[in-house]
Each structure stands twice: as structure tokens, then as C-alpha cells.
Protein backbone atom coordinates (compact mmCIF):
# COMPACT_ATOMS: atom_id res chain seq x y z
CA MET A 1 15.13 1.83 -8.53
CA ARG A 2 12.46 2.61 -11.09
CA VAL A 3 9.70 4.94 -9.94
CA THR A 4 6.66 6.43 -11.61
CA ILE A 5 4.53 8.93 -9.71
CA ILE A 6 1.19 9.80 -11.30
CA CYS A 7 0.09 12.77 -9.26
CA GLY A 8 -3.52 13.15 -10.40
CA GLU A 9 -4.28 9.50 -9.62
CA GLY A 10 -2.39 9.27 -6.35
CA LYS A 11 -0.52 6.37 -7.89
CA VAL A 12 3.07 5.41 -7.18
CA ILE A 13 4.81 2.55 -8.97
CA VAL A 14 8.11 1.29 -7.57
CA ASP A 15 9.97 -1.38 -9.52
CA GLY A 16 6.76 -2.42 -11.24
CA ILE A 17 4.58 -2.61 -8.10
CA ALA A 18 1.74 -0.07 -8.20
CA ILE A 19 -0.18 1.29 -5.24
CA GLU A 20 -3.04 3.72 -5.72
CA GLY A 21 -4.73 6.12 -3.33
CA ILE A 22 -1.54 7.63 -1.95
CA ASP A 23 -1.82 11.20 -0.66
CA LEU A 24 0.38 13.23 -2.97
CA SER A 25 -0.91 16.62 -1.89
CA PHE A 26 2.66 17.68 -1.04
CA MET A 27 3.55 17.55 -4.76
CA ASP A 28 3.65 20.65 -6.94
CA PRO A 29 0.15 20.80 -8.48
CA THR A 30 1.58 21.55 -11.92
CA ILE A 31 3.37 18.17 -12.02
CA ARG A 32 1.53 15.45 -13.88
CA VAL A 33 4.06 12.58 -13.74
CA VAL A 34 7.52 11.96 -12.36
CA GLN A 35 9.63 9.21 -13.92
CA TRP A 36 12.84 8.02 -12.26
CA ARG A 37 15.31 5.37 -13.45
CA ASP A 38 18.14 4.65 -10.98
CA THR A 39 20.16 7.88 -11.26
CA ASN A 40 18.07 10.25 -13.34
CA GLY A 41 14.61 10.95 -14.63
CA TRP A 42 12.19 13.59 -15.77
CA VAL A 43 9.13 15.50 -14.71
CA GLU A 44 6.12 15.92 -16.97
CA PHE A 45 3.87 18.90 -16.35
CA TYR A 46 0.18 19.48 -17.03
CA PRO A 47 -0.40 21.51 -20.18
CA VAL A 48 -1.08 25.20 -19.84
CA ASP A 49 -3.63 26.50 -22.35
CA ASP A 50 -3.41 23.14 -24.16
CA VAL A 51 0.34 23.61 -24.61
CA TYR A 52 2.64 20.97 -23.18
CA SER A 53 5.99 22.10 -21.86
CA THR A 54 9.22 20.21 -22.34
CA ASN A 55 9.89 17.55 -19.73
CA LEU A 56 12.25 18.65 -17.01
CA LYS A 57 15.25 16.36 -16.64
CA ILE A 58 16.21 15.61 -13.05
CA THR A 59 19.20 14.03 -11.34
CA ASP A 60 17.99 14.52 -7.76
CA PHE A 61 15.05 12.45 -6.59
CA SER A 62 14.93 13.82 -3.04
CA PRO A 63 12.02 16.24 -3.68
CA PHE A 64 9.86 13.21 -4.54
CA GLN A 65 11.16 10.72 -1.95
CA ALA A 66 8.10 11.29 0.28
CA ALA A 67 5.95 9.60 -2.38
CA VAL A 68 8.13 6.49 -2.27
CA ASP A 69 8.14 6.59 1.54
CA ALA A 70 4.32 6.65 1.53
CA TRP A 71 4.30 3.79 -1.00
CA GLN A 72 6.66 1.80 1.25
CA VAL A 73 4.44 2.18 4.32
CA ILE A 74 1.43 0.83 2.43
CA TYR A 75 3.48 -1.90 0.75
CA ASP A 76 4.86 -3.08 4.10
CA VAL A 77 1.37 -3.34 5.58
CA GLU A 78 -0.08 -5.12 2.54
CA THR A 79 2.75 -7.65 2.31
CA ALA A 80 3.25 -8.32 6.01
CA PRO A 81 2.79 -11.98 6.91
CA ALA A 82 -0.48 -12.86 8.57
CA PRO A 83 -0.16 -13.02 12.33
CA GLU A 84 -0.06 -16.44 13.96
CA PRO A 85 -3.62 -17.45 14.88
CA THR A 86 -4.47 -17.11 18.55
CA TYR A 87 -5.18 -20.16 20.67
CA GLU A 88 -8.89 -19.31 20.52
CA GLU A 89 -8.78 -19.08 16.72
CA LYS A 90 -6.99 -22.43 16.49
CA LEU A 91 -9.54 -23.99 18.84
CA ALA A 92 -12.42 -22.57 16.77
CA ALA A 93 -10.85 -23.99 13.59
CA GLN A 94 -10.45 -27.37 15.29
CA GLN A 95 -14.10 -27.32 16.34
CA GLN A 96 -15.20 -26.36 12.84
CA GLN A 97 -13.16 -29.17 11.29
CA ALA A 98 -14.58 -31.69 13.77
CA LYS A 99 -18.12 -30.49 12.98
CA GLN A 100 -17.40 -30.95 9.28
CA LEU A 101 -16.06 -34.47 9.85
CA LEU A 102 -19.23 -35.29 11.81
CA ALA A 103 -21.42 -33.90 9.03
CA ASP A 104 -19.44 -35.84 6.42
CA SER A 105 -19.99 -39.10 8.32
CA ASP A 106 -23.70 -38.70 9.20
CA TRP A 107 -24.65 -41.14 6.47
CA ALA A 108 -22.61 -43.97 8.00
CA VAL A 109 -24.77 -44.31 11.11
CA LEU A 110 -28.18 -44.27 9.48
CA PRO A 111 -29.97 -47.53 10.26
CA ASP A 112 -30.72 -48.42 6.65
CA VAL A 113 -27.13 -47.99 5.37
CA GLY A 114 -26.07 -51.46 6.42
CA LEU A 115 -22.37 -51.08 7.18
CA ALA A 116 -20.77 -54.19 8.64
CA ASN A 117 -18.60 -51.98 10.85
CA GLN A 118 -21.24 -49.48 11.99
CA ASP A 119 -19.93 -49.79 15.58
CA ALA A 120 -16.57 -48.44 14.40
CA TRP A 121 -18.33 -45.46 12.82
CA VAL A 122 -20.33 -44.82 16.01
CA ALA A 123 -17.08 -44.88 18.02
CA TYR A 124 -15.38 -42.58 15.51
CA ARG A 125 -18.20 -40.06 15.75
CA ALA A 126 -18.23 -40.32 19.56
CA ALA A 127 -14.52 -39.42 19.56
CA LEU A 128 -15.20 -36.43 17.29
CA ARG A 129 -18.17 -35.04 19.21
CA PRO A 130 -16.20 -33.45 22.13
CA LEU A 131 -13.76 -31.94 19.65
CA ALA A 132 -16.68 -30.26 17.92
CA THR A 133 -18.28 -28.86 21.05
CA THR A 134 -16.62 -28.93 24.47
CA GLU A 135 -12.93 -29.72 24.03
CA THR A 136 -10.70 -26.85 25.15
CA THR A 137 -7.36 -28.47 24.31
CA LEU A 138 -5.84 -28.50 20.86
CA VAL A 139 -5.20 -31.93 19.42
CA ASP A 140 -2.42 -32.94 17.06
CA SER A 141 -4.69 -35.09 14.92
CA PHE A 142 -8.27 -36.17 14.58
CA PRO A 143 -9.54 -39.72 15.04
CA THR A 144 -8.99 -41.91 12.02
CA GLN A 145 -12.07 -42.45 9.91
CA PRO A 146 -12.98 -46.13 9.68
CA GLU A 147 -13.08 -47.97 6.37
CA VAL A 148 -16.38 -48.41 4.63
CA ILE A 149 -17.23 -52.10 4.94
CA TRP A 150 -20.58 -53.00 3.50
CA GLY A 151 -22.51 -55.70 5.37
């Protein structure tokens, strides 16, 4: 596991995936960055009086594990699959799609369009109308849109 903890930014990077805004208040305030690569790493400290100290080599990551644990909680939430839509949400989506299909076919029933199969378009729209407004059952498919046959 590769980990970078940037204390002042509340940023934790695990195997290349960065998450910011993590509460790292538990960390020693003199630590600037922790770097970890599988079995060892180092700690970089903030300078004191503009003098940087030597990095501290570490072979035990346990004092910093809480940062990775906090990263994991956020990562799990952000990458969780979206919940299955509720029946009501599916019904609302069906109604919206039916409304869109009606809007997309408005032109076909205008009197001056002159389709030879205008009756088929009227029937198609009549079948869509309850799906757009009053239908409370989910359907597997929508009515099939008629061909455009000019008269």
C-alpha cells in the first residue's frame, strides 16, 4: 500500500486515490507529510525557524492508520453503487419518458402536416397519454412509434 498524508491540507492519498477534507487533527502538529510505501516510509516535519529537519524513517505505520481509516470511510461512501430506484422513482421516469415521446410526436397530428397514416399517430399518442399522466403500473415497453408516411 502506498500512502501519502498531507496534514496541513487534510489530504490522504492511498494507492493514487486522493481525498481531501479529512480531519487529521489527531496528527502531531509538527508533521507536515507522511509517506508510506508497503513496509516503510518517512515523516517530513514543518521547518522550525526556517530550518528543515531530517526526515524520520519509519517502519511502523500504526500511528497513522487512523488517517487511512478515515480515507476508507469516505472512499466507501463515494464509490458505493447508487441504490436501486424506488417504484415511485421508476414510475416518475416512465411518466417523464412518455411525456417526452408525446412532445416529440406533437408535429405528426397537426392538421396541415398531411401524413397518410395520421390515424396511426393519433392512436400511438392515445396509448402514450395514460402512461404520461395516470398510469400507476410500470410497463416493459412503450407503444411503437408509427412510420412517417407522407400523404
